[in-house]
Amino acid sequence: MSFHSAQFFLFIGLVLVLHSFFSQKKQNRLLLAASYAFYGALDPRFLFLILFSTAVDFLVARKIHLADGMAKKRRYLGISLAVNLGILFLFKYLGFFISSLVGFSRMLGLGLPEPALHIIVPAALSFYTFKTLTYTIDVYRGQLEPTGNFFDYALYVSFFPQLLAGPIERAAHFLPQLHAPRSLSRDKMIQGSWLILWGLFKKAVVADNLALVVHDVFDGGGSVSGFHVLLATYAFSFQIYCDFSGYSDIARGIGKLLGFETPLNFDRPYLAANPVEFWQRWHITLSTWLRDYLFLPIAYAVMRHVEKPALKLKVEDWGYVIGITGTMLLAGLWHGAAWTFVVWGGYHGILIALHHLLVRRRKKRRSRSGFLRLAKAFVFFHLTALGWLIFRAHSLGQAWDFLRRIFVDFPPAAADIKMLFMPLFYCFILWGLESLGCSRDDPRSIPGWRYGLGPALVTALILLLIVFFAPASQDFIYARF
């Protein structure tokens, strides 16, 4: 039951109708039941798994809170980490590590046999695991007092608008909203409906059309020119942006209709002029999670063990470089069990580390040149696109072959020139609507919205684009992670 399916809109319509008749406490129970029904519709076999993970962290967090010493708190936190990371490893990474080990053994001439493993990865496993870990770690750090209501915590973990692909909500932000007064105001209804419509446009019109170009190159299996590879790389850069941010917009819109405020997850990331700014704009809730729960602990641990500067780097520089590189390698692995994701994460880690070292050596001065910033954004977009080529490739071998083609076998065929029209057309539509302010939460800020037929015309335009230009629907990219 995908966000852009007819079944889902029937489901959310029923939930909204029932939600409007219930008291707040019953609304929370309704949303919990709806969230488990939504997850069960994807694959009922894994309902027990999410319930088990939820129960473990609910109990462990209370034990951590009541423990009378740091040693006991650490033991309970270790249980949470072992259970959550153990489940994640078993379902998502066991096969990857076994196949990598077998491949490495063959390189050494050992030839270990590869067992036949067919492990199904539960939907949303990576996302709800991060949420449960966030909760127990925040309780361990004393930043959050655990809730005594299991059903509230279960709703936090499974809240269906955010379940498949985020945003990665934090308990400290979500749980208080369960008991604060919630009502569907006119403003929230307008904003929520618009976010859903805008997200559907980005997914169904832009992302799914660009996917046709991407699929033709990365999944086609035939010989392609470097020009075609570059075109597909550009197309995938905007496909993944519109696909993922479209999901986040729909999730935030549904949240508003239900009375919840959901964190912003994207802020025009391709306007970023450097890698640090990019990760402040792209998948913001993941970036802040990585910063708070991986990067800072790793960086501080490194600084405690590096006693003096070395290789012209200060102690804090060593902490930053090792911390960010290690964090981004793990972030790449979080995206999927493949070496392409690991290399993609390491690539971004190196970009951020190099940017940090270059900025540290450069005198601080603020450039007021809009052209210079535009040039930096243009250059960094291409560095980002290079990373997306690695991310999308089926293997490192395919990624290397495609890169070689761009530099060695670039001249396009006649068919490649014709394919250029589609990415340009849909990216131009996206750029035009975003320039008008359509990407804002509140459509009333769009020029002409307040005058005459403005709302009807803008809404009708988006709907017409969805109806007439949407191809056969495809799954959301990040729902696979």
Protein backbone atom coordinates (compact mmCIF):
# COMPACT_ATOMS: atom_id res chain seq x y z
CA MET A 1 0.00 0.00 0.00
CA SER A 2 2.10 2.85 -1.32
CA PHE A 3 1.56 6.53 -0.55
CA HIS A 4 0.49 7.21 -4.14
CA SER A 5 -1.91 4.28 -4.53
CA ALA A 6 -5.71 4.44 -4.58
CA GLN A 7 -5.83 1.99 -1.65
CA PHE A 8 -3.76 4.31 0.50
CA PHE A 9 -6.00 7.29 -0.16
CA LEU A 10 -9.04 5.23 0.79
CA PHE A 11 -7.17 4.18 3.92
CA ILE A 12 -6.12 7.71 4.92
CA GLY A 13 -9.61 9.01 4.13
CA LEU A 14 -11.14 6.48 6.52
CA VAL A 15 -8.55 7.29 9.20
CA LEU A 16 -9.21 11.04 8.91
CA VAL A 17 -12.98 10.58 9.16
CA LEU A 18 -12.73 8.35 12.25
CA HIS A 19 -10.05 10.61 13.73
CA SER A 20 -12.39 13.60 13.63
CA PHE A 21 -15.03 11.83 15.78
CA PHE A 22 -12.75 10.58 18.57
CA SER A 23 -11.37 12.17 21.71
CA GLN A 24 -7.62 12.74 21.77
CA LYS A 25 -6.82 9.59 23.74
CA LYS A 26 -8.91 7.49 21.38
CA GLN A 27 -7.31 9.28 18.43
CA ASN A 28 -3.92 8.05 19.62
CA ARG A 29 -5.19 4.49 19.86
CA LEU A 30 -6.78 4.78 16.41
CA LEU A 31 -3.50 5.97 14.92
CA LEU A 32 -1.64 3.08 16.56
CA ALA A 33 -4.13 0.58 15.14
CA ALA A 34 -3.93 2.27 11.72
CA SER A 35 -0.13 2.20 11.80
CA TYR A 36 -0.03 -1.53 12.52
CA ALA A 37 -2.70 -2.16 9.88
CA PHE A 38 -0.62 -0.18 7.38
CA TYR A 39 2.54 -2.13 8.23
CA GLY A 40 0.67 -5.42 8.23
CA ALA A 41 -0.67 -4.69 4.74
CA LEU A 42 2.94 -4.55 3.51
CA ASP A 43 3.90 -7.90 5.04
CA PRO A 44 2.07 -9.28 8.10
CA ARG A 45 4.96 -11.65 8.88
CA PHE A 46 7.03 -8.78 10.28
CA LEU A 47 4.43 -7.30 12.63
CA PHE A 48 5.91 -9.37 15.44
CA LEU A 49 9.39 -8.00 14.70
CA ILE A 50 8.43 -4.33 15.04
CA LEU A 51 6.39 -5.15 18.14
CA PHE A 52 9.34 -7.05 19.65
CA SER A 53 11.77 -4.21 18.94
CA THR A 54 9.31 -1.71 20.41
CA ALA A 55 8.77 -3.75 23.58
CA VAL A 56 12.50 -4.28 24.18
CA ASP A 57 13.38 -0.59 23.98
CA PHE A 58 10.34 0.47 26.01
CA LEU A 59 11.41 -1.82 28.87
CA VAL A 60 15.13 -1.12 28.53
CA ALA A 61 14.61 2.65 28.60
CA ARG A 62 12.66 2.37 31.86
CA LYS A 63 15.41 0.18 33.33
CA ILE A 64 18.04 2.74 32.30
CA HIS A 65 16.04 5.54 33.90
CA LEU A 66 15.63 3.65 37.19
CA ALA A 67 19.19 2.27 37.36
CA ASP A 68 21.26 3.67 40.23
CA GLY A 69 24.67 3.70 38.58
CA MET A 70 26.34 4.28 35.22
CA ALA A 71 27.55 0.68 35.06
CA LYS A 72 23.97 -0.61 35.16
CA LYS A 73 22.81 2.04 32.70
CA ARG A 74 25.55 1.00 30.27
CA ARG A 75 24.57 -2.68 30.58
CA TYR A 76 20.95 -1.90 29.75
CA LEU A 77 22.00 0.34 26.87
CA GLY A 78 24.16 -2.55 25.63
CA ILE A 79 21.06 -4.76 25.56
CA SER A 80 19.25 -2.21 23.39
CA LEU A 81 22.20 -1.88 21.03
CA ALA A 82 22.68 -5.65 20.80
CA VAL A 83 19.02 -6.35 20.07
CA ASN A 84 18.49 -3.54 17.56
CA LEU A 85 21.79 -3.87 15.73
CA GLY A 86 21.55 -7.65 15.89
CA ILE A 87 18.16 -7.62 14.16
CA LEU A 88 19.45 -5.13 11.60
CA PHE A 89 22.54 -7.27 10.91
CA LEU A 90 20.60 -10.53 10.68
CA PHE A 91 17.99 -9.33 8.21
CA LYS A 92 19.87 -6.71 6.22
CA TYR A 93 23.61 -7.43 6.33
CA LEU A 94 24.23 -11.11 7.04
CA GLY A 95 23.94 -12.15 3.41
CA PHE A 96 26.10 -9.21 2.30
CA PHE A 97 28.92 -10.05 4.72
CA ILE A 98 28.82 -13.76 3.86
CA SER A 99 28.95 -13.09 0.11
CA SER A 100 31.77 -10.55 0.64
CA LEU A 101 33.71 -13.07 2.72
CA VAL A 102 33.23 -15.75 0.04
CA GLY A 103 34.36 -13.33 -2.67
CA PHE A 104 37.44 -12.36 -0.66
CA SER A 105 38.30 -16.02 -0.06
CA ARG A 106 38.17 -16.70 -3.79
CA MET A 107 40.60 -13.83 -4.37
CA LEU A 108 42.97 -15.66 -1.99
CA GLY A 109 42.41 -18.95 -3.79
CA LEU A 110 40.51 -20.58 -0.92
CA GLY A 111 37.19 -20.91 -2.74
CA LEU A 112 34.79 -21.07 0.20
CA PRO A 113 31.31 -22.28 -0.83
CA GLU A 114 28.56 -19.66 -0.69
CA PRO A 115 25.46 -20.77 1.23
CA ALA A 116 22.06 -20.24 -0.37
CA LEU A 117 20.50 -17.51 1.76
CA HIS A 118 17.14 -15.97 0.92
CA ILE A 119 16.54 -13.43 3.68
CA ILE A 120 13.67 -10.98 3.16
CA VAL A 121 14.45 -7.52 4.54
CA PRO A 122 11.48 -6.19 6.54
CA ALA A 123 10.10 -2.90 5.24
CA ALA A 124 11.14 0.20 7.21
CA LEU A 125 13.61 -1.78 9.35
CA SER A 126 16.39 0.82 9.08
CA PHE A 127 14.07 3.72 9.84
CA TYR A 128 12.27 2.37 12.89
CA THR A 129 15.54 0.93 14.27
CA PHE A 130 17.00 4.45 14.28
CA LYS A 131 13.92 5.71 16.12
CA THR A 132 14.12 3.07 18.84
CA LEU A 133 17.86 3.60 19.28
CA THR A 134 17.33 7.36 19.51
CA TYR A 135 14.88 6.85 22.35
CA THR A 136 17.08 4.62 24.51
CA ILE A 137 20.23 6.68 23.89
CA ASP A 138 18.45 9.92 24.81
CA VAL A 139 17.18 8.30 28.02
CA TYR A 140 20.69 7.01 28.77
CA ARG A 141 22.14 10.50 28.28
CA GLY A 142 19.53 12.01 30.58
CA GLN A 143 18.09 14.12 27.75
CA LEU A 144 14.69 12.42 27.84
CA GLU A 145 12.47 10.95 30.53
CA PRO A 146 10.92 7.68 29.33
CA THR A 147 7.18 7.50 28.84
CA GLY A 148 5.23 5.16 31.05
CA ASN A 149 2.64 4.52 28.35
CA PHE A 150 3.56 1.64 26.08
CA PHE A 151 0.91 2.50 23.49
CA ASP A 152 2.24 6.04 23.11
CA TYR A 153 5.75 4.71 22.58
CA ALA A 154 4.50 2.09 20.11
CA LEU A 155 2.79 4.86 18.13
CA TYR A 156 6.02 6.88 18.09
CA VAL A 157 7.88 3.91 16.58
CA SER A 158 5.21 2.91 14.05
CA PHE A 159 3.48 6.21 13.12
CA PHE A 160 2.46 5.29 9.59
CA PRO A 161 3.14 8.55 7.70
CA GLN A 162 6.81 8.36 8.72
CA LEU A 163 7.23 4.61 8.90
CA LEU A 164 8.59 3.63 5.48
CA ALA A 165 11.03 6.45 4.73
CA GLY A 166 11.02 9.01 7.52
CA PRO A 167 11.54 11.75 8.38
CA ILE A 168 13.42 10.19 11.31
CA GLU A 169 11.38 11.63 14.16
CA ARG A 170 12.74 11.96 17.69
CA ALA A 171 10.73 10.95 20.72
CA ALA A 172 11.43 14.27 22.42
CA HIS A 173 9.58 16.02 19.59
CA PHE A 174 6.84 13.47 18.88
CA LEU A 175 5.69 12.19 22.28
CA PRO A 176 4.66 15.61 23.72
CA GLN A 177 2.40 16.11 20.69
CA LEU A 178 0.37 13.06 21.70
CA HIS A 179 -0.93 14.91 24.73
CA ALA A 180 -0.87 18.53 23.55
CA PRO A 181 -4.17 19.90 22.21
CA ARG A 182 -4.56 18.89 18.55
CA SER A 183 -7.13 20.18 16.13
CA LEU A 184 -7.47 20.48 12.37
CA SER A 185 -7.42 24.22 11.78
CA ARG A 186 -8.05 25.82 8.41
CA ASP A 187 -4.35 26.63 8.10
CA LYS A 188 -3.28 23.04 8.78
CA MET A 189 -5.86 21.69 6.37
CA ILE A 190 -4.59 23.97 3.58
CA GLN A 191 -0.93 23.28 4.34
CA GLY A 192 -1.41 19.54 4.76
CA SER A 193 -3.43 19.14 1.56
CA TRP A 194 -0.92 21.22 -0.39
CA LEU A 195 2.08 19.25 0.89
CA ILE A 196 0.40 16.00 -0.16
CA LEU A 197 -0.42 17.40 -3.62
CA TRP A 198 3.07 18.83 -4.09
CA GLY A 199 4.69 15.58 -2.95
CA LEU A 200 2.54 13.59 -5.35
CA PHE A 201 3.56 15.89 -8.20
CA LYS A 202 7.26 15.46 -7.46
CA LYS A 203 6.93 11.69 -7.17
CA ALA A 204 4.40 10.83 -9.89
CA VAL A 205 5.27 13.43 -12.52
CA VAL A 206 8.98 14.21 -12.14
CA ALA A 207 10.57 11.22 -10.38
CA ASP A 208 8.67 8.44 -12.15
CA ASN A 209 9.22 9.95 -15.60
CA LEU A 210 12.94 10.46 -14.97
CA ALA A 211 13.07 6.86 -13.76
CA LEU A 212 12.40 5.71 -17.33
CA VAL A 213 15.64 7.32 -18.51
CA VAL A 214 17.56 5.98 -15.51
CA HIS A 215 16.24 2.45 -15.93
CA ASP A 216 17.16 2.41 -19.61
CA VAL A 217 20.85 2.91 -18.74
CA PHE A 218 21.42 1.30 -15.35
CA ASP A 219 19.08 -1.67 -15.79
CA GLY A 220 18.96 -2.01 -19.57
CA GLY A 221 21.98 -4.26 -19.99
CA GLY A 222 22.88 -2.90 -23.41
CA SER A 223 25.84 -0.83 -24.55
CA VAL A 224 25.41 2.90 -23.95
CA SER A 225 27.47 5.97 -24.74
CA GLY A 226 29.11 8.19 -22.15
CA PHE A 227 26.61 10.90 -23.07
CA HIS A 228 23.71 8.57 -22.26
CA VAL A 229 25.35 7.64 -18.94
CA LEU A 230 25.80 11.31 -18.04
CA LEU A 231 22.20 12.05 -18.99
CA ALA A 232 20.96 9.17 -16.82
CA THR A 233 23.15 10.37 -13.95
CA TYR A 234 21.60 13.84 -14.11
CA ALA A 235 18.16 12.23 -14.36
CA PHE A 236 18.79 10.06 -11.31
CA SER A 237 20.03 13.06 -9.32
CA PHE A 238 16.63 14.70 -9.73
CA GLN A 239 14.70 11.45 -9.59
CA ILE A 240 16.00 10.54 -6.14
CA TYR A 241 15.50 14.11 -4.92
CA CYS A 242 11.88 14.31 -6.11
CA ASP A 243 11.13 10.73 -5.06
CA PHE A 244 12.48 11.07 -1.52
CA SER A 245 11.48 14.68 -0.84
CA GLY A 246 8.08 13.90 -2.38
CA TYR A 247 7.61 11.13 0.19
CA SER A 248 8.67 13.50 2.98
CA ASP A 249 6.22 16.16 1.77
CA ILE A 250 3.35 13.66 1.75
CA ALA A 251 4.33 12.39 5.21
CA ARG A 252 4.44 15.95 6.59
CA GLY A 253 1.14 16.76 4.91
CA ILE A 254 -0.63 13.74 6.42
CA GLY A 255 0.88 14.65 9.78
CA LYS A 256 -0.60 18.15 9.57
CA LEU A 257 -4.05 16.76 8.73
CA LEU A 258 -3.77 14.58 11.85
CA GLY A 259 -2.60 17.52 13.99
CA PHE A 260 1.15 16.73 14.09
CA GLU A 261 4.14 18.84 13.14
CA THR A 262 6.80 16.81 11.34
CA PRO A 263 10.41 18.00 10.93
CA LEU A 264 11.51 19.44 7.58
CA ASN A 265 13.63 16.88 5.72
CA PHE A 266 14.75 18.71 2.55
CA ASP A 267 15.67 22.32 1.86
CA ARG A 268 16.62 22.71 -1.84
CA PRO A 269 19.82 20.64 -1.48
CA TYR A 270 21.14 21.22 -5.00
CA LEU A 271 21.66 24.89 -4.17
CA ALA A 272 24.37 23.83 -1.72
CA ALA A 273 27.81 25.27 -2.45
CA ASN A 274 29.80 22.71 -0.44
CA PRO A 275 29.40 19.22 1.08
CA VAL A 276 28.66 20.46 4.60
CA GLU A 277 25.84 22.66 3.34
CA PHE A 278 24.52 19.81 1.20
CA TRP A 279 24.06 17.56 4.23
CA GLN A 280 22.41 20.43 6.08
CA ARG A 281 19.81 20.48 3.30
CA TRP A 282 19.54 16.80 2.26
CA HIS A 283 17.73 14.24 4.46
CA ILE A 284 18.08 16.66 7.35
CA THR A 285 16.72 14.31 10.01
CA LEU A 286 19.27 11.64 9.06
CA SER A 287 22.09 14.21 8.97
CA THR A 288 21.31 15.45 12.47
CA TRP A 289 20.94 11.85 13.70
CA LEU A 290 24.35 10.94 12.31
CA ARG A 291 25.86 14.06 13.87
CA ASP A 292 24.43 13.49 17.35
CA TYR A 293 24.69 9.71 17.66
CA LEU A 294 27.70 8.76 15.51
CA PHE A 295 29.95 11.63 14.48
CA LEU A 296 30.27 13.43 17.84
CA PRO A 297 30.92 10.25 19.89
CA ILE A 298 33.51 9.03 17.34
CA ALA A 299 35.20 12.45 17.08
CA TYR A 300 35.44 12.88 20.86
CA ALA A 301 36.76 9.32 21.26
CA VAL A 302 39.48 10.00 18.67
CA MET A 303 40.48 13.28 20.34
CA ARG A 304 40.83 11.49 23.67
CA HIS A 305 43.31 9.06 22.14
CA VAL A 306 45.29 11.46 19.95
CA GLU A 307 47.66 13.11 22.39
CA LYS A 308 49.38 15.64 20.14
CA PRO A 309 49.17 17.11 16.63
CA ALA A 310 50.53 15.03 13.76
CA LEU A 311 51.00 15.55 10.02
CA LYS A 312 50.27 19.25 10.50
CA LEU A 313 46.78 18.43 11.78
CA LYS A 314 45.54 19.52 15.17
CA VAL A 315 43.98 17.04 17.57
CA GLU A 316 40.50 18.37 16.82
CA ASP A 317 41.18 18.02 13.08
CA TRP A 318 42.01 14.35 13.55
CA GLY A 319 38.78 13.94 15.48
CA TYR A 320 36.80 15.63 12.73
CA VAL A 321 38.39 13.79 9.80
CA ILE A 322 38.21 10.31 11.32
CA GLY A 323 34.81 11.01 12.83
CA ILE A 324 33.20 12.23 9.63
CA THR A 325 34.80 9.58 7.41
CA GLY A 326 33.73 6.76 9.73
CA THR A 327 30.26 8.23 10.11
CA MET A 328 29.67 8.55 6.38
CA LEU A 329 30.96 5.02 5.71
CA LEU A 330 28.37 3.72 8.18
CA ALA A 331 25.75 6.03 6.67
CA GLY A 332 26.46 4.50 3.28
CA LEU A 333 26.12 0.99 4.70
CA TRP A 334 22.83 2.02 6.36
CA HIS A 335 21.42 2.78 2.92
CA GLY A 336 21.95 -0.76 1.72
CA ALA A 337 24.00 -3.93 1.90
CA ALA A 338 26.26 -3.31 -1.09
CA TRP A 339 29.76 -1.99 -1.67
CA THR A 340 28.37 0.76 -3.91
CA PHE A 341 26.64 2.28 -0.88
CA VAL A 342 29.75 1.97 1.26
CA VAL A 343 31.89 3.68 -1.39
CA TRP A 344 29.22 6.37 -1.84
CA GLY A 345 29.26 7.06 1.90
CA GLY A 346 33.06 7.12 2.01
CA TYR A 347 33.13 9.46 -0.98
CA HIS A 348 30.92 11.98 0.83
CA GLY A 349 32.97 11.55 4.00
CA ILE A 350 36.15 12.45 2.09
CA LEU A 351 34.46 15.47 0.49
CA ILE A 352 33.35 16.78 3.89
CA ALA A 353 36.76 16.12 5.47
CA LEU A 354 38.60 17.88 2.63
CA HIS A 355 36.23 20.83 2.83
CA HIS A 356 36.88 21.08 6.58
CA LEU A 357 40.65 21.08 6.09
CA LEU A 358 40.52 23.62 3.26
CA VAL A 359 38.26 25.97 5.22
CA ARG A 360 40.51 25.67 8.28
CA ARG A 361 43.51 26.84 6.26
CA ARG A 362 41.69 29.65 4.50
CA LYS A 363 41.16 33.06 6.01
CA LYS A 364 37.57 33.64 6.96
CA ARG A 365 35.94 36.08 4.62
CA ARG A 366 32.41 36.41 3.43
CA SER A 367 31.94 36.57 -0.31
CA ARG A 368 29.10 38.74 -1.50
CA SER A 369 29.35 37.59 -5.09
CA GLY A 370 26.18 35.82 -6.16
CA PHE A 371 27.95 34.56 -9.28
CA LEU A 372 30.71 32.93 -7.20
CA ARG A 373 28.17 31.13 -5.04
CA LEU A 374 26.31 29.97 -8.16
CA ALA A 375 29.56 28.67 -9.63
CA LYS A 376 30.34 26.77 -6.41
CA ALA A 377 26.83 25.27 -6.38
CA PHE A 378 27.25 24.23 -10.03
CA VAL A 379 30.57 22.50 -9.33
CA PHE A 380 29.33 20.79 -6.19
CA PHE A 381 26.17 19.58 -7.93
CA HIS A 382 28.40 17.67 -10.33
CA LEU A 383 30.39 16.21 -7.46
CA THR A 384 27.09 15.13 -5.93
CA ALA A 385 25.94 13.65 -9.24
CA LEU A 386 29.14 11.61 -9.40
CA GLY A 387 28.22 10.16 -6.03
CA TRP A 388 24.71 9.35 -7.28
CA LEU A 389 26.19 7.39 -10.20
CA ILE A 390 28.01 5.17 -7.70
CA PHE A 391 24.91 4.98 -5.50
CA ARG A 392 22.64 3.86 -8.37
CA ALA A 393 25.05 1.41 -10.02
CA HIS A 394 24.44 -2.30 -9.46
CA SER A 395 28.10 -2.90 -8.72
CA LEU A 396 31.41 -1.11 -8.44
CA GLY A 397 32.31 -2.68 -11.79
CA GLN A 398 29.32 -1.06 -13.47
CA ALA A 399 30.08 2.28 -11.80
CA TRP A 400 33.69 2.17 -13.04
CA ASP A 401 32.60 1.18 -16.55
CA PHE A 402 30.11 4.05 -16.70
CA LEU A 403 32.70 6.55 -15.48
CA ARG A 404 35.11 5.29 -18.12
CA ARG A 405 32.48 5.73 -20.81
CA ILE A 406 31.88 9.36 -19.82
CA PHE A 407 35.55 10.19 -20.31
CA VAL A 408 36.51 7.76 -23.09
CA ASP A 409 33.36 6.95 -25.09
CA PHE A 410 31.29 10.12 -24.77
CA PRO A 411 29.94 10.92 -28.30
CA PRO A 412 26.17 10.42 -28.31
CA ALA A 413 24.13 8.44 -30.76
CA ALA A 414 21.06 9.94 -32.44
CA ALA A 415 18.75 8.12 -30.00
CA ASP A 416 20.64 9.63 -27.06
CA ILE A 417 19.97 13.16 -28.33
CA LYS A 418 16.23 12.41 -28.46
CA MET A 419 16.35 11.14 -24.86
CA LEU A 420 17.66 14.53 -23.75
CA PHE A 421 14.21 16.07 -24.09
CA MET A 422 12.55 14.17 -21.24
CA PRO A 423 14.92 15.14 -18.36
CA LEU A 424 15.02 18.75 -19.57
CA PHE A 425 11.25 18.94 -19.83
CA TYR A 426 10.44 17.60 -16.36
CA CYS A 427 13.30 19.38 -14.61
CA PHE A 428 12.15 22.63 -16.27
CA ILE A 429 8.61 22.10 -14.92
CA LEU A 430 10.04 21.40 -11.46
CA TRP A 431 12.27 24.47 -11.58
CA GLY A 432 9.44 26.68 -12.79
CA LEU A 433 7.01 25.62 -10.07
CA GLU A 434 9.65 25.81 -7.33
CA SER A 435 10.59 29.31 -8.55
CA LEU A 436 6.96 30.34 -8.02
CA GLY A 437 7.17 29.15 -4.42
CA CYS A 438 5.25 25.90 -4.84
CA SER A 439 7.77 24.08 -2.63
CA ARG A 440 6.75 26.10 0.44
CA ASP A 441 4.56 24.55 3.10
CA ASP A 442 1.83 27.13 2.67
CA PRO A 443 0.57 27.64 -0.91
CA ARG A 444 -0.91 31.03 0.01
CA SER A 445 2.57 32.51 -0.42
CA ILE A 446 2.50 31.63 -4.15
CA PRO A 447 2.10 34.77 -6.30
CA GLY A 448 -1.50 35.18 -7.38
CA TRP A 449 -2.84 32.63 -4.88
CA ARG A 450 -4.87 35.23 -2.96
CA TYR A 451 -6.42 36.79 -6.05
CA GLY A 452 -9.46 35.59 -7.92
CA LEU A 453 -9.13 32.04 -9.19
CA GLY A 454 -5.51 31.69 -8.02
CA PRO A 455 -6.00 28.68 -5.70
CA ALA A 456 -8.16 26.84 -8.21
CA LEU A 457 -5.78 27.53 -11.11
CA VAL A 458 -2.62 26.50 -9.25
CA THR A 459 -4.25 23.36 -7.84
CA ALA A 460 -5.79 22.47 -11.20
CA LEU A 461 -2.40 22.86 -12.91
CA ILE A 462 -0.73 20.43 -10.50
CA LEU A 463 -3.60 17.95 -10.79
CA LEU A 464 -3.55 18.10 -14.59
CA LEU A 465 0.17 17.42 -14.60
CA ILE A 466 -0.35 14.42 -12.33
CA VAL A 467 -3.27 13.05 -14.36
CA PHE A 468 -1.79 13.49 -17.84
CA PHE A 469 1.96 13.15 -17.30
CA ALA A 470 2.30 10.46 -14.61
CA PRO A 471 3.52 7.12 -16.02
CA ALA A 472 2.94 3.76 -14.36
CA SER A 473 3.65 4.27 -10.66
CA GLN A 474 6.84 2.93 -9.09
CA ASP A 475 7.79 2.24 -5.49
CA PHE A 476 9.48 4.97 -3.48
CA ILE A 477 13.26 4.52 -3.64
CA TYR A 478 13.91 4.89 0.09
CA ALA A 479 11.14 2.47 1.02
CA ARG A 480 13.64 -0.24 0.03
CA PHE A 481 16.09 0.83 2.73
